[in-house]
Amino acid sequence: MRKIYFLLFLLLPLTLLKAQDNISIFIEGQNTDLSSGASPYAVNAPSSGSTIDVPFEVHNNSAVLQRWRITRKQLSVPAGWADGVCWGHSSDPFGGSCYSSTQMNTNPWTTPGGAAVLFDILPGEYGKMKPDFNPADGVSGFAHYRYYITNSSGMSYLDSVDVLVDYVAGNKIIKDPVSVTMVPNPADDYIFLNANNNESIQFKITDAMGAILMKEQFISSKKINTSEFRSGVYFISFEAPGIKSFTRKIIVRH
């Protein structure tokens, strides 16, 4: 009988973790729950790529407000590889607070718990978690990372998702930084976007509350009609292959 109780004691934390039904973790825009107990999410890093981003949505299915933190654990990572993570509310136009491999200098590592970075996730809302991975030049291999959803004290693991990164080393292509000019700003009836390259760039316009007003792609330049926008502050987020996303502020004034 004592042996049975001992085994139950050992298995209880794992059972509670797997029984967690108040958190769902999805790849952004998908609906397959990857939270604890599901298969790891696997990504093949391009042989000539640089940083690989994997955007997740962490949904609050409970009936109470949550203030989660993220704990990253490197289960198996080739020498020299770097990784970072961004964590923020789904409505945050800047993608939340981002942390580099230099800041994430312990294993495991947990996002800070100060008031400046803890945020409320109400029932039915979700947080955005975006890990990024940068294999070292010439170091091919297979990496295994685990991301725990942690309570506000950082002491309890509530749920988790695993990421597997497979990288075949090659010669990395170092791309020039992408910059986008936006004129006029403040804008009235229109605004022009002009990029310094000839590759496809995806952009997304959100208002101050995080609502998405437009999401399109352009090459080199784009004219946006702002005559229907209310006067106020808006944010344009840009993404392109091989670069980190970035956000700029525009003002519409009629």
C-alpha atoms as a PDB file:
ATOM      1  CA  MET A   1       0.000   0.000   0.000  1.00  0.00           C
ATOM      2  CA  ARG A   2       2.847   2.393   0.829  1.00  0.00           C
ATOM      3  CA  LYS A   3       4.365   1.727  -2.613  1.00  0.00           C
ATOM      4  CA  ILE A   4       1.067   2.635  -4.283  1.00  0.00           C
ATOM      5  CA  TYR A   5       0.829   5.918  -2.370  1.00  0.00           C
ATOM      6  CA  PHE A   6       4.439   6.698  -3.245  1.00  0.00           C
ATOM      7  CA  LEU A   7       3.798   6.148  -6.954  1.00  0.00           C
ATOM      8  CA  LEU A   8       0.686   8.313  -6.806  1.00  0.00           C
ATOM      9  CA  PHE A   9       2.721  11.049  -5.128  1.00  0.00           C
ATOM     10  CA  LEU A  10       5.303  10.937  -7.931  1.00  0.00           C
ATOM     11  CA  LEU A  11       2.714  10.920 -10.709  1.00  0.00           C
ATOM     12  CA  LEU A  12       0.415  13.577  -9.258  1.00  0.00           C
ATOM     13  CA  PRO A  13       2.282  16.671 -10.580  1.00  0.00           C
ATOM     14  CA  LEU A  14       2.448  15.182 -14.087  1.00  0.00           C
ATOM     15  CA  THR A  15      -1.218  14.228 -13.950  1.00  0.00           C
ATOM     16  CA  LEU A  16      -2.205  17.716 -12.874  1.00  0.00           C
ATOM     17  CA  LEU A  17      -0.145  19.236 -15.672  1.00  0.00           C
ATOM     18  CA  LYS A  18      -1.672  17.016 -18.322  1.00  0.00           C
ATOM     19  CA  ALA A  19      -5.152  17.541 -16.880  1.00  0.00           C
ATOM     20  CA  GLN A  20      -4.827  21.296 -17.232  1.00  0.00           C
ATOM     21  CA  ASP A  21      -7.845  22.367 -19.307  1.00  0.00           C
ATOM     22  CA  ASN A  22      -7.770  26.130 -18.770  1.00  0.00           C
ATOM     23  CA  ILE A  23      -4.946  26.827 -21.225  1.00  0.00           C
ATOM     24  CA  SER A  24      -4.780  26.198 -24.955  1.00  0.00           C
ATOM     25  CA  ILE A  25      -1.663  26.809 -27.039  1.00  0.00           C
ATOM     26  CA  PHE A  26      -1.976  27.256 -30.792  1.00  0.00           C
ATOM     27  CA  ILE A  27       0.318  28.243 -33.618  1.00  0.00           C
ATOM     28  CA  GLU A  28      -0.861  31.719 -34.616  1.00  0.00           C
ATOM     29  CA  GLY A  29      -3.943  31.471 -36.832  1.00  0.00           C
ATOM     30  CA  GLN A  30      -4.402  27.709 -36.318  1.00  0.00           C
ATOM     31  CA  ASN A  31      -6.700  25.700 -34.041  1.00  0.00           C
ATOM     32  CA  THR A  32      -4.721  22.574 -33.086  1.00  0.00           C
ATOM     33  CA  ASP A  33      -3.993  22.594 -29.352  1.00  0.00           C
ATOM     34  CA  LEU A  34      -0.274  21.953 -28.786  1.00  0.00           C
ATOM     35  CA  SER A  35      -0.340  22.251 -25.002  1.00  0.00           C
ATOM     36  CA  SER A  36       1.010  19.656 -22.582  1.00  0.00           C
ATOM     37  CA  GLY A  37       0.574  16.074 -23.740  1.00  0.00           C
ATOM     38  CA  ALA A  38       0.465  16.955 -27.445  1.00  0.00           C
ATOM     39  CA  SER A  39       3.237  16.165 -29.898  1.00  0.00           C
ATOM     40  CA  PRO A  40       6.069  18.722 -30.105  1.00  0.00           C
ATOM     41  CA  TYR A  41       5.895  21.338 -32.821  1.00  0.00           C
ATOM     42  CA  ALA A  42       8.669  20.632 -35.344  1.00  0.00           C
ATOM     43  CA  VAL A  43      10.269  23.203 -37.629  1.00  0.00           C
ATOM     44  CA  ASN A  44      12.947  22.734 -40.279  1.00  0.00           C
ATOM     45  CA  ALA A  45      15.336  25.669 -40.334  1.00  0.00           C
ATOM     46  CA  PRO A  46      16.326  26.643 -43.894  1.00  0.00           C
ATOM     47  CA  SER A  47      19.950  25.862 -44.694  1.00  0.00           C
ATOM     48  CA  SER A  48      20.574  29.444 -45.790  1.00  0.00           C
ATOM     49  CA  GLY A  49      18.290  31.118 -43.283  1.00  0.00           C
ATOM     50  CA  SER A  50      19.007  33.187 -40.220  1.00  0.00           C
ATOM     51  CA  THR A  51      16.519  33.680 -37.377  1.00  0.00           C
ATOM     52  CA  ILE A  52      13.454  31.429 -37.302  1.00  0.00           C
ATOM     53  CA  ASP A  53      10.335  32.741 -35.548  1.00  0.00           C
ATOM     54  CA  VAL A  54       7.537  30.485 -34.254  1.00  0.00           C
ATOM     55  CA  PRO A  55       4.471  32.513 -33.148  1.00  0.00           C
ATOM     56  CA  PHE A  56       2.113  30.949 -30.556  1.00  0.00           C
ATOM     57  CA  GLU A  57      -1.201  32.020 -29.048  1.00  0.00           C
ATOM     58  CA  VAL A  58      -1.665  31.129 -25.354  1.00  0.00           C
ATOM     59  CA  HIS A  59      -5.393  31.245 -24.564  1.00  0.00           C
ATOM     60  CA  ASN A  60      -6.994  31.766 -21.153  1.00  0.00           C
ATOM     61  CA  ASN A  61      -9.937  29.333 -21.002  1.00  0.00           C
ATOM     62  CA  SER A  62     -10.567  29.877 -17.296  1.00  0.00           C
ATOM     63  CA  ALA A  63     -13.156  32.157 -15.714  1.00  0.00           C
ATOM     64  CA  VAL A  64     -10.602  34.360 -13.961  1.00  0.00           C
ATOM     65  CA  LEU A  65      -7.933  36.887 -14.911  1.00  0.00           C
ATOM     66  CA  GLN A  66      -4.429  35.459 -15.415  1.00  0.00           C
ATOM     67  CA  ARG A  67      -0.954  36.992 -15.266  1.00  0.00           C
ATOM     68  CA  TRP A  68       1.306  34.404 -16.798  1.00  0.00           C
ATOM     69  CA  ARG A  69       5.045  34.322 -17.293  1.00  0.00           C
ATOM     70  CA  ILE A  70       7.019  32.149 -19.716  1.00  0.00           C
ATOM     71  CA  THR A  71       9.781  29.744 -18.682  1.00  0.00           C
ATOM     72  CA  ARG A  72      12.091  28.514 -21.438  1.00  0.00           C
ATOM     73  CA  LYS A  73      14.013  25.288 -20.907  1.00  0.00           C
ATOM     74  CA  GLN A  74      16.708  24.096 -23.320  1.00  0.00           C
ATOM     75  CA  LEU A  75      16.421  20.311 -23.251  1.00  0.00           C
ATOM     76  CA  SER A  76      19.018  19.697 -25.951  1.00  0.00           C
ATOM     77  CA  VAL A  77      20.693  22.459 -27.974  1.00  0.00           C
ATOM     78  CA  PRO A  78      23.860  22.358 -30.147  1.00  0.00           C
ATOM     79  CA  ALA A  79      26.753  24.519 -28.972  1.00  0.00           C
ATOM     80  CA  GLY A  80      26.675  28.095 -30.187  1.00  0.00           C
ATOM     81  CA  TRP A  81      22.976  28.260 -31.020  1.00  0.00           C
ATOM     82  CA  ALA A  82      21.073  31.316 -29.762  1.00  0.00           C
ATOM     83  CA  ASP A  83      17.405  31.812 -28.982  1.00  0.00           C
ATOM     84  CA  GLY A  84      15.113  34.574 -27.754  1.00  0.00           C
ATOM     85  CA  VAL A  85      11.451  35.077 -26.986  1.00  0.00           C
ATOM     86  CA  CYS A  86       8.776  37.789 -27.122  1.00  0.00           C
ATOM     87  CA  TRP A  87       5.773  37.690 -24.767  1.00  0.00           C
ATOM     88  CA  GLY A  88       2.850  40.109 -24.688  1.00  0.00           C
ATOM     89  CA  HIS A  89      -0.909  40.582 -24.792  1.00  0.00           C
ATOM     90  CA  SER A  90      -2.650  39.775 -28.071  1.00  0.00           C
ATOM     91  CA  SER A  91      -3.610  43.452 -28.440  1.00  0.00           C
ATOM     92  CA  ASP A  92      -0.046  44.743 -28.030  1.00  0.00           C
ATOM     93  CA  PRO A  93       0.918  46.227 -31.435  1.00  0.00           C
ATOM     94  CA  PHE A  94       4.623  45.878 -30.570  1.00  0.00           C
ATOM     95  CA  GLY A  95       4.415  42.125 -29.882  1.00  0.00           C
ATOM     96  CA  GLY A  96       5.054  42.497 -26.146  1.00  0.00           C
ATOM     97  CA  SER A  97       8.424  42.490 -24.395  1.00  0.00           C
ATOM     98  CA  CYS A  98      11.265  40.757 -26.247  1.00  0.00           C
ATOM     99  CA  TYR A  99      14.292  39.111 -24.665  1.00  0.00           C
ATOM    100  CA  SER A 100      17.547  38.195 -26.414  1.00  0.00           C
ATOM    101  CA  SER A 101      19.833  35.215 -25.892  1.00  0.00           C
ATOM    102  CA  THR A 102      22.112  37.505 -23.877  1.00  0.00           C
ATOM    103  CA  GLN A 103      19.311  38.226 -21.415  1.00  0.00           C
ATOM    104  CA  MET A 104      18.159  34.595 -21.352  1.00  0.00           C
ATOM    105  CA  ASN A 105      21.444  33.471 -19.829  1.00  0.00           C
ATOM    106  CA  THR A 106      20.214  30.686 -17.537  1.00  0.00           C
ATOM    107  CA  ASN A 107      18.604  27.324 -18.175  1.00  0.00           C
ATOM    108  CA  PRO A 108      15.757  27.279 -17.378  1.00  0.00           C
ATOM    109  CA  TRP A 109      14.999  30.996 -17.757  1.00  0.00           C
ATOM    110  CA  THR A 110      11.772  32.835 -16.848  1.00  0.00           C
ATOM    111  CA  THR A 111      10.457  36.162 -18.112  1.00  0.00           C
ATOM    112  CA  PRO A 112      10.647  38.949 -15.494  1.00  0.00           C
ATOM    113  CA  GLY A 113       7.802  39.359 -13.031  1.00  0.00           C
ATOM    114  CA  GLY A 114       7.787  43.106 -12.432  1.00  0.00           C
ATOM    115  CA  ALA A 115       4.701  45.269 -12.834  1.00  0.00           C
ATOM    116  CA  ALA A 116       6.143  46.798 -16.000  1.00  0.00           C
ATOM    117  CA  VAL A 117       5.967  43.492 -17.907  1.00  0.00           C
ATOM    118  CA  LEU A 118       3.194  41.520 -16.196  1.00  0.00           C
ATOM    119  CA  PHE A 119      -0.115  42.070 -17.957  1.00  0.00           C
ATOM    120  CA  ASP A 120      -3.736  40.985 -17.531  1.00  0.00           C
ATOM    121  CA  ILE A 121      -5.161  38.201 -19.682  1.00  0.00           C
ATOM    122  CA  LEU A 122      -8.905  38.196 -19.136  1.00  0.00           C
ATOM    123  CA  PRO A 123     -11.094  35.108 -19.666  1.00  0.00           C
ATOM    124  CA  GLY A 124     -11.339  34.451 -23.394  1.00  0.00           C
ATOM    125  CA  GLU A 125      -8.227  36.504 -24.203  1.00  0.00           C
ATOM    126  CA  TYR A 126      -4.751  35.278 -25.107  1.00  0.00           C
ATOM    127  CA  GLY A 127      -1.110  36.179 -24.950  1.00  0.00           C
ATOM    128  CA  LYS A 128       1.350  36.118 -27.852  1.00  0.00           C
ATOM    129  CA  MET A 129       4.511  34.063 -27.359  1.00  0.00           C
ATOM    130  CA  LYS A 130       7.076  34.159 -30.163  1.00  0.00           C
ATOM    131  CA  PRO A 131      10.282  32.174 -29.631  1.00  0.00           C
ATOM    132  CA  ASP A 132      13.067  32.727 -32.143  1.00  0.00           C
ATOM    133  CA  PHE A 133      16.001  30.476 -32.966  1.00  0.00           C
ATOM    134  CA  ASN A 134      19.336  31.281 -34.576  1.00  0.00           C
ATOM    135  CA  PRO A 135      21.544  28.240 -35.297  1.00  0.00           C
ATOM    136  CA  ALA A 136      25.270  28.972 -35.212  1.00  0.00           C
ATOM    137  CA  ASP A 137      27.009  29.302 -38.576  1.00  0.00           C
ATOM    138  CA  GLY A 138      28.199  25.906 -39.735  1.00  0.00           C
ATOM    139  CA  VAL A 139      26.727  24.051 -36.745  1.00  0.00           C
ATOM    140  CA  SER A 140      24.033  21.704 -37.992  1.00  0.00           C
ATOM    141  CA  GLY A 141      21.981  19.733 -35.538  1.00  0.00           C
ATOM    142  CA  PHE A 142      18.722  19.102 -33.763  1.00  0.00           C
ATOM    143  CA  ALA A 143      17.470  21.222 -30.840  1.00  0.00           C
ATOM    144  CA  HIS A 144      14.685  20.591 -28.327  1.00  0.00           C
ATOM    145  CA  TYR A 145      13.128  23.497 -26.406  1.00  0.00           C
ATOM    146  CA  ARG A 146      10.238  23.521 -23.918  1.00  0.00           C
ATOM    147  CA  TYR A 147       8.162  26.582 -23.024  1.00  0.00           C
ATOM    148  CA  TYR A 148       6.230  26.455 -19.768  1.00  0.00           C
ATOM    149  CA  ILE A 149       3.282  28.709 -19.013  1.00  0.00           C
ATOM    150  CA  THR A 150       4.153  29.798 -15.484  1.00  0.00           C
ATOM    151  CA  ASN A 151       2.116  31.562 -12.820  1.00  0.00           C
ATOM    152  CA  SER A 152       2.853  35.181 -11.865  1.00  0.00           C
ATOM    153  CA  SER A 153       5.262  34.167  -9.086  1.00  0.00           C
ATOM    154  CA  GLY A 154       7.291  32.063 -11.521  1.00  0.00           C
ATOM    155  CA  MET A 155       7.092  29.091  -9.156  1.00  0.00           C
ATOM    156  CA  SER A 156       4.407  26.879 -10.733  1.00  0.00           C
ATOM    157  CA  TYR A 157       4.393  25.354 -14.213  1.00  0.00           C
ATOM    158  CA  LEU A 158       0.797  25.325 -15.489  1.00  0.00           C
ATOM    159  CA  ASP A 159       1.168  23.995 -19.021  1.00  0.00           C
ATOM    160  CA  SER A 160       3.798  23.690 -21.744  1.00  0.00           C
ATOM    161  CA  VAL A 161       4.606  23.321 -25.422  1.00  0.00           C
ATOM    162  CA  ASP A 162       7.707  21.737 -27.004  1.00  0.00           C
ATOM    163  CA  VAL A 163       9.522  22.965 -30.115  1.00  0.00           C
ATOM    164  CA  LEU A 164      11.940  20.858 -32.162  1.00  0.00           C
ATOM    165  CA  VAL A 165      14.311  22.668 -34.539  1.00  0.00           C
ATOM    166  CA  ASP A 166      16.135  20.722 -37.269  1.00  0.00           C
ATOM    167  CA  TYR A 167      18.923  22.640 -38.995  1.00  0.00           C
ATOM    168  CA  VAL A 168      21.162  21.584 -41.874  1.00  0.00           C
ATOM    169  CA  ALA A 169      24.140  23.917 -41.943  1.00  0.00           C
ATOM    170  CA  GLY A 170      24.894  25.877 -45.055  1.00  0.00           C
ATOM    171  CA  ASN A 171      26.237  29.233 -46.053  1.00  0.00           C
ATOM    172  CA  LYS A 172      24.067  31.853 -44.440  1.00  0.00           C
ATOM    173  CA  ILE A 173      22.898  34.737 -46.544  1.00  0.00           C
ATOM    174  CA  ILE A 174      23.329  37.961 -44.655  1.00  0.00           C
ATOM    175  CA  LYS A 175      20.593  40.318 -45.762  1.00  0.00           C
ATOM    176  CA  ASP A 176      20.719  44.054 -45.643  1.00  0.00           C
ATOM    177  CA  PRO A 177      18.449  45.531 -42.970  1.00  0.00           C
ATOM    178  CA  VAL A 178      15.008  46.469 -44.250  1.00  0.00           C
ATOM    179  CA  SER A 179      13.837  50.021 -43.716  1.00  0.00           C
ATOM    180  CA  VAL A 180      10.497  51.543 -44.653  1.00  0.00           C
ATOM    181  CA  THR A 181       9.780  55.247 -44.945  1.00  0.00           C
ATOM    182  CA  MET A 182       6.225  56.507 -44.412  1.00  0.00           C
ATOM    183  CA  VAL A 183       5.181  59.876 -45.831  1.00  0.00           C
ATOM    184  CA  PRO A 184       3.413  62.061 -45.052  1.00  0.00           C
ATOM    185  CA  ASN A 185       3.254  61.499 -41.311  1.00  0.00           C
ATOM    186  CA  PRO A 186       0.926  62.898 -39.960  1.00  0.00           C
ATOM    187  CA  ALA A 187      -1.293  61.753 -42.816  1.00  0.00           C
ATOM    188  CA  ASP A 188      -4.648  63.010 -44.045  1.00  0.00           C
ATOM    189  CA  ASP A 189      -6.052  61.193 -47.098  1.00  0.00           C
ATOM    190  CA  TYR A 190      -3.170  58.833 -47.836  1.00  0.00           C
ATOM    191  CA  ILE A 191       0.268  57.626 -46.800  1.00  0.00           C
ATOM    192  CA  PHE A 192       3.060  56.170 -48.939  1.00  0.00           C
ATOM    193  CA  LEU A 193       5.200  53.231 -47.812  1.00  0.00           C
ATOM    194  CA  ASN A 194       8.606  52.974 -49.487  1.00  0.00           C
ATOM    195  CA  ALA A 195      10.995  50.067 -48.760  1.00  0.00           C
ATOM    196  CA  ASN A 196      14.711  49.943 -49.481  1.00  0.00           C
ATOM    197  CA  ASN A 197      14.547  46.470 -51.080  1.00  0.00           C
ATOM    198  CA  ASN A 198      12.639  44.624 -53.779  1.00  0.00           C
ATOM    199  CA  GLU A 199      11.296  41.745 -51.677  1.00  0.00           C
ATOM    200  CA  SER A 200       7.764  41.132 -50.538  1.00  0.00           C
ATOM    201  CA  ILE A 201       6.999  42.744 -47.187  1.00  0.00           C
ATOM    202  CA  GLN A 202       3.891  41.993 -45.183  1.00  0.00           C
ATOM    203  CA  PHE A 203       2.371  44.816 -43.182  1.00  0.00           C
ATOM    204  CA  LYS A 204      -0.451  45.076 -40.673  1.00  0.00           C
ATOM    205  CA  ILE A 205      -2.167  48.257 -39.478  1.00  0.00           C
ATOM    206  CA  THR A 206      -3.722  48.287 -35.996  1.00  0.00           C
ATOM    207  CA  ASP A 207      -5.411  51.019 -34.019  1.00  0.00           C
ATOM    208  CA  ALA A 208      -4.464  52.040 -30.485  1.00  0.00           C
ATOM    209  CA  MET A 209      -6.687  49.251 -29.075  1.00  0.00           C
ATOM    210  CA  GLY A 210      -5.005  46.547 -31.158  1.00  0.00           C
ATOM    211  CA  ALA A 211      -7.815  46.040 -33.683  1.00  0.00           C
ATOM    212  CA  ILE A 212      -6.469  45.032 -37.113  1.00  0.00           C
ATOM    213  CA  LEU A 213      -7.632  47.458 -39.815  1.00  0.00           C
ATOM    214  CA  MET A 214      -5.586  46.203 -42.763  1.00  0.00           C
ATOM    215  CA  LYS A 215      -3.218  43.328 -43.540  1.00  0.00           C
ATOM    216  CA  GLU A 216      -1.539  43.147 -46.956  1.00  0.00           C
ATOM    217  CA  GLN A 217       1.775  42.688 -48.761  1.00  0.00           C
ATOM    218  CA  PHE A 218       3.746  45.035 -50.991  1.00  0.00           C
ATOM    219  CA  ILE A 219       6.989  45.194 -52.930  1.00  0.00           C
ATOM    220  CA  SER A 220       9.028  48.398 -52.883  1.00  0.00           C
ATOM    221  CA  SER A 221       6.130  50.837 -52.414  1.00  0.00           C
ATOM    222  CA  LYS A 222       2.485  51.048 -51.425  1.00  0.00           C
ATOM    223  CA  LYS A 223      -0.108  53.844 -51.255  1.00  0.00           C
ATOM    224  CA  ILE A 224      -2.616  53.464 -48.414  1.00  0.00           C
ATOM    225  CA  ASN A 225      -5.900  55.340 -48.326  1.00  0.00           C
ATOM    226  CA  THR A 226      -6.336  56.810 -44.836  1.00  0.00           C
ATOM    227  CA  SER A 227      -9.315  59.040 -45.612  1.00  0.00           C
ATOM    228  CA  GLU A 228     -11.673  56.590 -43.859  1.00  0.00           C
ATOM    229  CA  PHE A 229      -9.494  56.370 -40.748  1.00  0.00           C
ATOM    230  CA  ARG A 230     -10.475  58.407 -37.737  1.00  0.00           C
ATOM    231  CA  SER A 231      -7.992  60.975 -36.529  1.00  0.00           C
ATOM    232  CA  GLY A 232      -5.635  59.345 -34.042  1.00  0.00           C
ATOM    233  CA  VAL A 233      -2.585  57.133 -33.553  1.00  0.00           C
ATOM    234  CA  TYR A 234      -2.078  53.898 -35.518  1.00  0.00           C
ATOM    235  CA  PHE A 235       0.678  51.288 -35.714  1.00  0.00           C
ATOM    236  CA  ILE A 236       2.090  49.518 -38.778  1.00  0.00           C
ATOM    237  CA  SER A 237       3.929  46.229 -38.193  1.00  0.00           C
ATOM    238  CA  PHE A 238       6.255  44.921 -40.927  1.00  0.00           C
ATOM    239  CA  GLU A 239       7.517  41.392 -41.549  1.00  0.00           C
ATOM    240  CA  ALA A 240       9.801  39.995 -44.252  1.00  0.00           C
ATOM    241  CA  PRO A 241      11.725  36.709 -44.652  1.00  0.00           C
ATOM    242  CA  GLY A 242      15.014  36.633 -42.781  1.00  0.00           C
ATOM    243  CA  ILE A 243      14.432  39.768 -40.676  1.00  0.00           C
ATOM    244  CA  LYS A 244      12.888  40.538 -37.314  1.00  0.00           C
ATOM    245  CA  SER A 245       9.476  42.165 -37.425  1.00  0.00           C
ATOM    246  CA  PHE A 246       9.313  45.838 -36.528  1.00  0.00           C
ATOM    247  CA  THR A 247       6.577  48.379 -35.845  1.00  0.00           C
ATOM    248  CA  ARG A 248       6.239  52.067 -36.654  1.00  0.00           C
ATOM    249  CA  LYS A 249       3.724  54.672 -35.461  1.00  0.00           C
ATOM    250  CA  ILE A 250       1.665  56.853 -37.769  1.00  0.00           C
ATOM    251  CA  ILE A 251      -0.705  59.698 -36.995  1.00  0.00           C
ATOM    252  CA  VAL A 252      -3.839  60.400 -38.975  1.00  0.00           C
ATOM    253  CA  ARG A 253      -5.078  63.957 -38.707  1.00  0.00           C
ATOM    254  CA  HIS A 254      -8.051  65.222 -40.729  1.00  0.00           C
END
